Amino acid sequence: MNAQAFNAQAFGALPRPAPDVIAAVREKLVARLGERVVVSRAVLEQHSHGEGLPAIGVPDIVVYPETNEEVAFVLSLCNVNRVPVTPFGAGSSLEGQLAALAGGVSLDTSRFDKILEVSPDSLDCRVQAGVTREALNAHIRDTGLFFPVDPGANASIGGMASTRASGTNAVRYGTMRENVLGLTVVTPDGRIVRTGSRARKSSAGLDLTHIYVGSEGTLGVITEIQLRLYGLPEAVIAAVCQFDTLEGAVAAVVTALQSNLKLARVELFDEVQMRAAINYSKLDYAETPTLFLEFQGTPTSVREDVETMQVIAEDNGGGAFQFAERPEDRNRLWKARHNGYQAVRALAPGKSNMGTDACVPISALPACLLETKADIIASGLLAPIVGHVGDGNFHLGILYDADDPLEAARAEALAFRTARRAIAMGGTCSGEHGVGLHKIVHMETEHGEGVALMKAVKNALDPNGIMNPGKIYP
């Protein structure tokens, strides 16, 4: 039994629509969308998974709508015929969100790629769901603004909203939850609904925007997003500080945050992740626990923050700072951070990388990371740790043999224990990857009776259950 069979058995499969129903729906889709309805095997396989789990659910049809009205047509048609719909962005999700467990239609938003409006005076913009974060920042660079949410992958803004993504800048700028002002959403029955506004706050009614942010395509399709923007900082300095122990590196971060130090980014690599980064990105550092830091603000404030952090690091066993002030040097440094997933895979060619994450209160971070490190060693698996430790979020890249069912089971067990440990310490099974299908098993443990309320919302907004079935809700 290989890893694909292991995952399929663990998560199950859902009944698929009858072939004649799929054929009828396909015919009507082709009549409206023409060549943007695709059924080639290669495209179907591409839309069956993200980057985290093997393909365990292949869609019957892939569609590429270009307008809100076309999305409404697709959803209305599928809703009437009880055909499942799985929204698809850039394909970078890690927890099985894109698996079409019941077949049906994969709705690809890549052609929703227009930046609709940018308002420098109001520090906001409106984009279509298929716009990627890199494309948005390239477009607004000359305005002196930027969009800070940076999950590493060049994800689509719609996908980032759907999974409530965050990333390296979250310690200062927050996650998608804090940076989405409003949405355009198409409901399962084909209604086009605009939520929120451009105002920075509102007390008018239920917060529909944030019901959809983090819903992972289970309630409707996000087609447009109103986003906060920020001014580019006057001064930026990145630095690397290496430690003898993981405990010292984590303690330095906790002390800095408790001292109200204004860190823009603070990323932790354990010694195994450093080995991966050194080999993959050709970095000139030692294989020891390391903090990647960034400071932003005025030249004076940045200098003061750096000096304070140097003292804190030294008190916790940190070495001398190695600075990167030129944009090209900073970009190289953060590129090495963002290439962490590929670097981990390169540590053990041929093995799969089961990426998982968890998040805990800052006070619980030292204990949680050290217990997790001990668990990794006891498991006998290779699983580097990298973390957005400024907000208590950390990741494991668990390497395992996809053709060895026992090793796959050990990897699943390690990921399971990591999530449950975080929950027990007052945290969550996922700080940014989302639930998908891989973390459904933790939902009732984390949310208790809250799961029943989630299901009630799902049933109210998607009574026929066509939207991304089999995800989030146990």
Protein backbone atom coordinates (compact mmCIF):
# COMPACT_ATOMS: atom_id res chain seq x y z
CA MET A 1 0.00 0.00 0.00
CA ASN A 2 1.57 3.31 -1.07
CA ALA A 3 1.09 6.78 0.47
CA GLN A 4 -1.70 7.63 -1.95
CA ALA A 5 -3.70 4.60 -0.85
CA PHE A 6 -2.86 5.41 2.78
CA ASN A 7 -4.26 8.91 2.51
CA ALA A 8 -7.28 7.83 0.51
CA GLN A 9 -8.12 5.21 3.10
CA ALA A 10 -7.62 7.69 5.93
CA PHE A 11 -9.78 10.43 4.45
CA GLY A 12 -12.25 8.47 2.38
CA ALA A 13 -13.89 9.31 -0.94
CA LEU A 14 -17.31 10.77 -1.66
CA PRO A 15 -19.94 9.56 -4.15
CA ARG A 16 -19.37 11.06 -7.61
CA PRO A 17 -22.12 12.36 -9.91
CA ALA A 18 -23.40 9.93 -12.50
CA PRO A 19 -21.62 10.04 -15.89
CA ASP A 20 -24.78 11.20 -17.69
CA VAL A 21 -25.13 14.13 -15.26
CA ILE A 22 -21.51 15.15 -15.85
CA ALA A 23 -22.02 14.88 -19.62
CA ALA A 24 -25.11 17.10 -19.51
CA VAL A 25 -23.40 19.71 -17.34
CA ARG A 26 -20.34 19.67 -19.56
CA GLU A 27 -22.46 20.28 -22.66
CA LYS A 28 -24.06 23.37 -21.11
CA LEU A 29 -20.72 24.66 -19.86
CA VAL A 30 -19.18 24.33 -23.32
CA ALA A 31 -22.14 26.20 -24.81
CA ARG A 32 -21.36 29.17 -22.52
CA LEU A 33 -17.57 29.01 -22.05
CA GLY A 34 -16.40 27.20 -25.18
CA GLU A 35 -12.75 26.13 -25.12
CA ARG A 36 -12.43 27.28 -21.52
CA VAL A 37 -14.03 23.97 -20.52
CA VAL A 38 -11.26 21.36 -20.40
CA VAL A 39 -11.36 17.59 -19.81
CA SER A 40 -7.85 16.52 -20.85
CA ARG A 41 -6.32 14.06 -18.43
CA ALA A 42 -3.21 16.16 -17.83
CA VAL A 43 -5.24 19.22 -16.83
CA LEU A 44 -7.55 17.18 -14.63
CA GLU A 45 -4.56 15.65 -12.82
CA GLN A 46 -3.00 19.08 -12.37
CA HIS A 47 -6.18 20.27 -10.66
CA SER A 48 -6.47 17.25 -8.34
CA HIS A 49 -4.01 18.39 -5.67
CA GLY A 50 -1.89 21.19 -4.27
CA GLU A 51 1.67 20.87 -2.99
CA GLY A 52 1.08 18.96 0.21
CA LEU A 53 -0.80 15.71 -0.31
CA PRO A 54 -0.95 13.21 -3.17
CA ALA A 55 -3.84 13.26 -5.62
CA ILE A 56 -6.79 11.43 -4.11
CA GLY A 57 -9.63 13.16 -5.94
CA VAL A 58 -9.59 14.08 -9.62
CA PRO A 59 -12.26 16.43 -11.06
CA ASP A 60 -14.31 15.51 -14.12
CA ILE A 61 -14.15 18.99 -15.68
CA VAL A 62 -11.95 22.08 -15.34
CA VAL A 63 -13.45 25.46 -16.19
CA TYR A 64 -11.75 28.85 -16.62
CA PRO A 65 -14.36 31.60 -16.09
CA GLU A 66 -13.41 35.23 -16.67
CA THR A 67 -16.30 37.22 -15.16
CA ASN A 68 -18.45 37.17 -12.05
CA GLU A 69 -21.42 36.35 -14.26
CA GLU A 70 -19.66 33.30 -15.69
CA VAL A 71 -18.84 32.05 -12.19
CA ALA A 72 -22.49 32.57 -11.25
CA PHE A 73 -23.57 30.53 -14.29
CA VAL A 74 -21.21 27.67 -13.41
CA LEU A 75 -22.32 27.54 -9.78
CA SER A 76 -26.02 27.82 -10.56
CA LEU A 77 -25.79 25.03 -13.14
CA CYS A 78 -23.82 22.78 -10.79
CA ASN A 79 -26.13 23.53 -7.87
CA VAL A 80 -29.24 22.52 -9.82
CA ASN A 81 -27.55 19.30 -10.94
CA ARG A 82 -25.88 18.55 -7.56
CA VAL A 83 -22.41 18.59 -9.15
CA PRO A 84 -19.55 19.41 -6.75
CA VAL A 85 -17.37 22.49 -7.34
CA THR A 86 -13.80 22.86 -6.06
CA PRO A 87 -12.29 26.36 -6.44
CA PHE A 88 -8.66 26.39 -7.61
CA GLY A 89 -6.17 29.27 -7.33
CA ALA A 90 -2.42 28.93 -7.80
CA GLY A 91 -2.31 25.31 -6.62
CA SER A 92 0.03 25.98 -3.69
CA SER A 93 -2.16 24.82 -0.78
CA LEU A 94 -0.75 22.15 1.51
CA GLU A 95 -3.59 20.44 3.36
CA GLY A 96 -5.62 18.83 0.56
CA GLN A 97 -7.93 21.77 -0.11
CA LEU A 98 -7.87 21.18 -3.87
CA ALA A 99 -8.63 17.46 -3.96
CA ALA A 100 -11.91 16.88 -5.80
CA LEU A 101 -13.05 14.09 -3.48
CA ALA A 102 -16.40 13.81 -5.25
CA GLY A 103 -15.20 14.69 -8.76
CA GLY A 104 -17.27 17.36 -10.46
CA VAL A 105 -15.95 20.75 -11.56
CA SER A 106 -12.65 22.40 -10.67
CA LEU A 107 -13.20 26.15 -11.04
CA ASP A 108 -9.85 27.73 -11.94
CA THR A 109 -9.62 31.47 -11.13
CA SER A 110 -6.30 32.09 -12.91
CA ARG A 111 -8.01 34.26 -15.57
CA PHE A 112 -9.38 36.55 -12.86
CA ASP A 113 -6.08 38.42 -13.06
CA LYS A 114 -7.04 42.10 -13.17
CA ILE A 115 -6.13 44.76 -10.62
CA LEU A 116 -9.40 46.68 -10.62
CA GLU A 117 -8.58 49.78 -8.55
CA VAL A 118 -5.74 51.23 -6.51
CA SER A 119 -6.28 54.19 -4.18
CA PRO A 120 -2.96 55.48 -2.79
CA ASP A 121 -4.76 58.17 -0.79
CA SER A 122 -6.93 55.60 1.01
CA LEU A 123 -4.22 52.94 1.19
CA ASP A 124 -6.37 50.25 -0.40
CA CYS A 125 -6.98 48.40 -3.65
CA ARG A 126 -9.43 45.97 -5.23
CA VAL A 127 -8.18 42.96 -7.17
CA GLN A 128 -9.61 39.88 -8.83
CA ALA A 129 -9.05 36.57 -7.12
CA GLY A 130 -6.48 35.25 -9.57
CA VAL A 131 -4.04 38.13 -9.08
CA THR A 132 -0.91 36.85 -7.33
CA ARG A 133 0.75 38.70 -4.48
CA GLU A 134 3.92 39.24 -6.54
CA ALA A 135 1.93 40.67 -9.46
CA LEU A 136 0.10 43.05 -7.13
CA ASN A 137 3.29 44.33 -5.54
CA ALA A 138 4.94 44.79 -8.93
CA HIS A 139 1.91 46.81 -10.10
CA ILE A 140 1.85 49.18 -7.09
CA ARG A 141 5.61 49.55 -6.55
CA ASP A 142 5.73 53.02 -8.14
CA THR A 143 3.02 54.30 -5.80
CA GLY A 144 5.25 53.83 -2.76
CA LEU A 145 2.86 51.20 -1.37
CA PHE A 146 3.01 47.46 -0.87
CA PHE A 147 0.84 44.55 0.19
CA PRO A 148 2.59 42.79 3.09
CA VAL A 149 1.01 39.35 3.44
CA ASP A 150 3.71 36.98 2.21
CA PRO A 151 3.11 33.22 2.57
CA GLY A 152 6.22 32.38 0.57
CA ALA A 153 4.64 30.83 -2.47
CA ASN A 154 3.45 33.22 -5.18
CA ALA A 155 -0.12 32.42 -4.19
CA SER A 156 -3.24 33.99 -5.64
CA ILE A 157 -4.96 36.63 -3.51
CA GLY A 158 -8.23 34.68 -3.70
CA GLY A 159 -6.54 31.53 -2.44
CA MET A 160 -4.83 33.48 0.32
CA ALA A 161 -8.19 34.87 1.44
CA SER A 162 -9.79 31.44 1.26
CA THR A 163 -7.19 29.86 3.55
CA ARG A 164 -6.69 32.94 5.76
CA ALA A 165 -3.00 32.89 4.83
CA SER A 166 -0.24 34.81 6.54
CA GLY A 167 3.55 34.53 6.38
CA THR A 168 6.81 36.18 7.26
CA ASN A 169 5.38 39.70 7.76
CA ALA A 170 2.48 38.68 10.00
CA VAL A 171 4.22 39.68 13.24
CA ARG A 172 3.98 43.33 12.15
CA TYR A 173 1.22 43.54 9.52
CA GLY A 174 -1.12 40.70 10.46
CA THR A 175 -2.69 37.97 8.34
CA MET A 176 -5.28 38.01 5.58
CA ARG A 177 -7.92 38.31 8.28
CA GLU A 178 -6.63 41.78 9.23
CA ASN A 179 -5.95 42.91 5.67
CA VAL A 180 -9.16 42.06 3.81
CA LEU A 181 -11.72 44.89 3.89
CA GLY A 182 -14.35 43.35 1.64
CA LEU A 183 -15.11 40.73 -0.98
CA THR A 184 -17.18 39.87 -3.97
CA VAL A 185 -18.49 36.34 -3.48
CA VAL A 186 -20.60 34.15 -5.74
CA THR A 187 -22.92 31.93 -3.73
CA PRO A 188 -23.65 28.29 -4.62
CA ASP A 189 -27.02 29.24 -6.13
CA GLY A 190 -25.41 31.86 -8.37
CA ARG A 191 -25.95 35.14 -6.51
CA ILE A 192 -23.18 37.77 -6.77
CA VAL A 193 -22.77 39.33 -3.32
CA ARG A 194 -20.53 42.19 -2.26
CA THR A 195 -19.48 42.18 1.41
CA GLY A 196 -17.74 44.79 3.53
CA SER A 197 -16.69 48.22 2.31
CA ARG A 198 -13.60 50.41 2.00
CA ALA A 199 -14.09 51.77 5.51
CA ARG A 200 -11.51 50.66 8.07
CA LYS A 201 -14.23 49.66 10.52
CA SER A 202 -17.95 48.98 10.59
CA SER A 203 -20.57 47.97 13.14
CA ALA A 204 -23.33 47.47 10.55
CA GLY A 205 -24.60 43.91 10.75
CA LEU A 206 -22.87 40.54 10.66
CA ASP A 207 -19.29 40.46 9.42
CA LEU A 208 -19.97 38.51 6.23
CA THR A 209 -16.50 39.23 4.87
CA HIS A 210 -14.78 37.23 7.56
CA ILE A 211 -17.22 34.36 7.32
CA TYR A 212 -15.77 33.76 3.87
CA VAL A 213 -12.13 34.54 4.74
CA GLY A 214 -10.77 31.16 5.79
CA SER A 215 -13.74 29.16 4.45
CA GLU A 216 -11.52 27.34 1.91
CA GLY A 217 -14.09 27.41 -0.88
CA THR A 218 -16.73 25.56 1.14
CA LEU A 219 -19.28 28.41 1.21
CA GLY A 220 -18.92 30.04 -2.21
CA VAL A 221 -16.33 31.39 -4.65
CA ILE A 222 -14.38 34.56 -3.82
CA THR A 223 -13.89 36.52 -7.06
CA GLU A 224 -12.77 39.99 -5.87
CA ILE A 225 -10.93 41.22 -2.78
CA GLN A 226 -10.63 44.70 -1.26
CA LEU A 227 -7.23 44.91 0.47
CA ARG A 228 -5.35 47.21 2.82
CA LEU A 229 -2.07 48.60 1.53
CA TYR A 230 0.88 50.07 3.41
CA GLY A 231 3.57 52.64 2.73
CA LEU A 232 7.03 51.32 1.94
CA PRO A 233 9.26 51.84 4.98
CA GLU A 234 11.95 54.51 4.83
CA ALA A 235 14.68 52.18 6.09
CA VAL A 236 14.96 48.38 6.04
CA ILE A 237 17.71 46.22 7.52
CA ALA A 238 17.80 42.42 7.52
CA ALA A 239 20.10 40.45 9.78
CA VAL A 240 21.03 36.87 10.56
CA CYS A 241 21.88 35.74 14.09
CA GLN A 242 23.00 32.21 14.90
CA PHE A 243 22.65 30.42 18.25
CA ASP A 244 24.19 27.41 19.90
CA THR A 245 20.79 26.05 20.93
CA LEU A 246 17.21 26.09 19.71
CA GLU A 247 16.15 27.08 23.23
CA GLY A 248 18.31 30.21 23.12
CA ALA A 249 16.98 31.32 19.74
CA VAL A 250 13.36 30.94 20.85
CA ALA A 251 14.01 32.67 24.17
CA ALA A 252 15.48 35.66 22.32
CA VAL A 253 12.33 36.02 20.23
CA VAL A 254 10.02 35.76 23.23
CA THR A 255 12.04 38.37 25.13
CA ALA A 256 12.01 40.72 22.14
CA LEU A 257 8.25 40.49 21.77
CA GLN A 258 7.63 40.92 25.48
CA SER A 259 9.85 44.02 25.30
CA ASN A 260 7.54 45.41 22.58
CA LEU A 261 10.36 45.47 20.04
CA LYS A 262 8.91 46.36 16.61
CA LEU A 263 10.15 43.43 14.55
CA ALA A 264 8.94 43.31 10.95
CA ARG A 265 10.03 39.72 10.37
CA VAL A 266 11.52 37.08 12.64
CA GLU A 267 12.01 33.61 11.22
CA LEU A 268 13.53 30.60 12.98
CA PHE A 269 15.45 27.77 11.32
CA ASP A 270 16.57 24.80 13.39
CA GLU A 271 19.95 23.27 12.55
CA VAL A 272 18.41 20.78 10.11
CA GLN A 273 16.56 23.49 8.18
CA MET A 274 19.78 25.52 8.11
CA ARG A 275 21.61 22.56 6.59
CA ALA A 276 18.92 22.36 3.92
CA ALA A 277 19.09 26.12 3.20
CA ILE A 278 22.88 26.18 3.12
CA ASN A 279 23.00 23.34 0.61
CA TYR A 280 20.09 24.50 -1.56
CA SER A 281 20.59 28.29 -1.55
CA LYS A 282 24.40 28.29 -1.18
CA LEU A 283 24.40 30.27 2.07
CA ASP A 284 27.59 30.90 4.01
CA TYR A 285 26.43 30.13 7.54
CA ALA A 286 26.90 27.45 10.18
CA GLU A 287 24.46 24.56 10.67
CA THR A 288 23.05 25.85 13.95
CA PRO A 289 19.66 27.27 15.03
CA THR A 290 19.30 30.65 13.33
CA LEU A 291 17.07 33.72 13.38
CA PHE A 292 16.39 35.66 10.18
CA LEU A 293 15.36 39.18 11.24
CA GLU A 294 14.09 42.30 9.50
CA PHE A 295 13.67 45.77 10.95
CA GLN A 296 11.65 48.55 9.27
CA GLY A 297 10.98 52.20 10.03
CA THR A 298 12.95 55.43 10.09
CA PRO A 299 16.75 55.19 10.07
CA THR A 300 16.85 56.18 13.74
CA SER A 301 14.15 53.75 14.91
CA VAL A 302 15.66 50.89 12.91
CA ARG A 303 19.10 51.51 14.41
CA GLU A 304 17.63 51.54 17.93
CA ASP A 305 15.67 48.33 17.32
CA VAL A 306 18.75 46.58 15.94
CA GLU A 307 20.84 47.59 18.95
CA THR A 308 18.18 46.37 21.37
CA MET A 309 17.82 43.05 19.55
CA GLN A 310 21.59 42.55 19.55
CA VAL A 311 21.65 42.84 23.34
CA ILE A 312 18.72 40.42 23.69
CA ALA A 313 20.32 37.91 21.34
CA GLU A 314 23.66 38.09 23.13
CA ASP A 315 21.96 37.52 26.49
CA ASN A 316 20.45 34.32 25.07
CA GLY A 317 23.58 32.89 23.50
CA GLY A 318 23.36 34.49 20.08
CA GLY A 319 26.38 35.38 17.99
CA ALA A 320 27.23 38.52 16.04
CA PHE A 321 24.66 39.86 13.58
CA GLN A 322 25.39 39.48 9.89
CA PHE A 323 23.60 42.31 8.11
CA ALA A 324 21.92 42.62 4.71
CA GLU A 325 21.06 46.24 3.95
CA ARG A 326 21.14 46.38 0.15
CA PRO A 327 17.84 45.30 -1.48
CA GLU A 328 19.58 42.58 -3.51
CA ASP A 329 21.17 41.11 -0.35
CA ARG A 330 17.86 41.18 1.53
CA ASN A 331 16.07 39.60 -1.41
CA ARG A 332 18.63 36.79 -1.54
CA LEU A 333 18.18 36.18 2.17
CA TRP A 334 14.39 36.02 2.00
CA LYS A 335 14.49 33.99 -1.19
CA ALA A 336 16.43 31.37 0.76
CA ARG A 337 13.67 31.48 3.39
CA HIS A 338 10.92 31.12 0.81
CA ASN A 339 12.74 28.24 -0.87
CA GLY A 340 12.56 26.31 2.38
CA TYR A 341 10.04 23.76 1.06
CA GLN A 342 12.19 22.89 -1.95
CA ALA A 343 15.34 22.91 0.19
CA VAL A 344 13.83 20.36 2.56
CA ARG A 345 12.91 18.06 -0.31
CA ALA A 346 16.47 18.31 -1.61
CA LEU A 347 17.74 16.95 1.72
CA ALA A 348 16.35 13.53 0.82
CA PRO A 349 15.79 13.19 -2.95
CA GLY A 350 12.94 10.86 -3.79
CA LYS A 351 11.12 11.37 -0.50
CA SER A 352 7.88 13.29 -0.08
CA ASN A 353 7.53 16.36 2.12
CA MET A 354 4.48 16.38 4.39
CA GLY A 355 4.42 20.06 5.29
CA THR A 356 2.39 20.88 8.39
CA ASP A 357 2.09 23.82 10.75
CA ALA A 358 0.78 24.73 14.19
CA CYS A 359 0.53 27.93 16.23
CA VAL A 360 0.63 28.58 19.97
CA PRO A 361 0.61 31.59 22.32
CA ILE A 362 4.04 33.20 22.52
CA SER A 363 4.43 32.13 26.16
CA ALA A 364 3.99 28.47 25.15
CA LEU A 365 6.33 28.62 22.16
CA PRO A 366 9.57 27.53 23.88
CA ALA A 367 8.02 24.46 25.48
CA CYS A 368 6.06 23.54 22.36
CA LEU A 369 9.07 23.78 20.04
CA LEU A 370 11.38 21.86 22.36
CA GLU A 371 8.82 19.08 22.89
CA THR A 372 8.22 18.92 19.15
CA LYS A 373 11.97 18.71 18.50
CA ALA A 374 12.27 15.82 20.95
CA ASP A 375 9.29 14.11 19.27
CA ILE A 376 10.95 14.41 15.86
CA ILE A 377 14.14 12.82 17.16
CA ALA A 378 12.18 9.99 18.80
CA SER A 379 10.24 9.36 15.58
CA GLY A 380 13.41 8.64 13.61
CA LEU A 381 12.18 10.87 10.80
CA LEU A 382 13.90 13.83 9.20
CA ALA A 383 11.65 16.84 9.86
CA PRO A 384 13.26 20.31 9.82
CA ILE A 385 11.58 23.10 11.78
CA VAL A 386 11.03 26.58 10.38
CA GLY A 387 8.84 29.14 12.06
CA HIS A 388 7.21 32.55 11.86
CA VAL A 389 8.02 32.57 15.54
CA GLY A 390 7.09 36.21 16.03
CA ASP A 391 3.45 35.14 16.13
CA GLY A 392 3.94 31.64 17.58
CA ASN A 393 3.60 29.84 14.23
CA PHE A 394 5.98 27.07 13.17
CA HIS A 395 6.20 24.48 10.40
CA LEU A 396 7.56 20.98 10.01
CA GLY A 397 8.68 19.53 6.70
CA ILE A 398 8.27 15.82 7.43
CA LEU A 399 10.20 13.73 4.94
CA TYR A 400 8.94 10.21 4.30
CA ASP A 401 9.03 7.42 1.73
CA ALA A 402 5.78 7.54 -0.24
CA ASP A 403 6.13 3.82 -1.06
CA ASP A 404 6.61 2.71 2.55
CA PRO A 405 3.25 2.51 4.35
CA LEU A 406 4.89 2.23 7.76
CA GLU A 407 6.99 5.35 7.24
CA ALA A 408 3.98 7.20 5.85
CA ALA A 409 2.06 6.24 8.99
CA ARG A 410 4.90 7.50 11.19
CA ALA A 411 4.85 10.81 9.32
CA GLU A 412 1.09 11.13 9.76
CA ALA A 413 1.45 10.32 13.45
CA LEU A 414 4.12 12.98 13.94
CA ALA A 415 1.96 15.60 12.21
CA PHE A 416 -1.02 14.51 14.35
CA ARG A 417 0.92 14.82 17.62
CA THR A 418 2.28 18.22 16.61
CA ALA A 419 -1.25 19.56 16.09
CA ARG A 420 -2.63 18.06 19.29
CA ARG A 421 0.30 19.38 21.31
CA ALA A 422 -0.35 22.90 20.04
CA ILE A 423 -4.07 22.66 20.83
CA ALA A 424 -3.32 21.40 24.35
CA MET A 425 -1.10 24.45 24.91
CA GLY A 426 -3.89 26.86 24.00
CA GLY A 427 -3.03 27.05 20.32
CA THR A 428 -4.36 25.79 17.02
CA CYS A 429 -3.72 22.92 14.63
CA SER A 430 -2.95 25.42 11.87
CA GLY A 431 -1.73 29.00 11.95
CA GLU A 432 -1.86 29.48 8.18
CA HIS A 433 -2.07 26.30 6.09
CA GLY A 434 -5.78 25.84 6.78
CA VAL A 435 -7.73 22.66 7.45
CA GLY A 436 -8.49 21.17 4.05
CA LEU A 437 -9.00 17.48 4.67
CA HIS A 438 -5.72 16.68 6.40
CA LYS A 439 -6.63 18.51 9.64
CA ILE A 440 -10.33 17.74 9.88
CA VAL A 441 -9.47 15.19 12.55
CA HIS A 442 -8.49 18.05 14.91
CA MET A 443 -11.52 20.28 14.46
CA GLU A 444 -13.71 18.91 17.24
CA THR A 445 -10.76 18.78 19.65
CA GLU A 446 -9.95 22.42 18.97
CA HIS A 447 -13.44 23.91 18.59
CA GLY A 448 -15.80 21.59 20.49
CA GLU A 449 -19.42 22.68 20.05
CA GLY A 450 -18.23 25.39 17.70
CA VAL A 451 -18.03 22.76 14.97
CA ALA A 452 -21.82 22.39 15.07
CA LEU A 453 -22.17 26.13 14.44
CA MET A 454 -19.75 25.90 11.51
CA LYS A 455 -21.81 23.09 10.04
CA ALA A 456 -24.97 25.15 10.48
CA VAL A 457 -23.41 28.02 8.54
CA LYS A 458 -22.27 25.60 5.84
CA ASN A 459 -25.75 24.07 5.54
CA ALA A 460 -27.42 27.47 5.42
CA LEU A 461 -25.17 28.90 2.70
CA ASP A 462 -24.66 25.68 0.72
CA PRO A 463 -27.71 23.50 1.40
CA ASN A 464 -26.95 21.13 -1.48
CA GLY A 465 -23.37 20.65 -0.32
CA ILE A 466 -21.75 21.30 -3.69
CA MET A 467 -18.92 23.59 -2.51
CA ASN A 468 -15.64 21.76 -1.96
CA PRO A 469 -17.28 18.80 -0.22
CA GLY A 470 -15.32 16.77 2.31
CA LYS A 471 -13.27 19.68 3.61
CA ILE A 472 -13.05 21.44 7.02
CA TYR A 473 -16.23 20.07 8.60
CA PRO A 474 -15.95 16.66 10.33
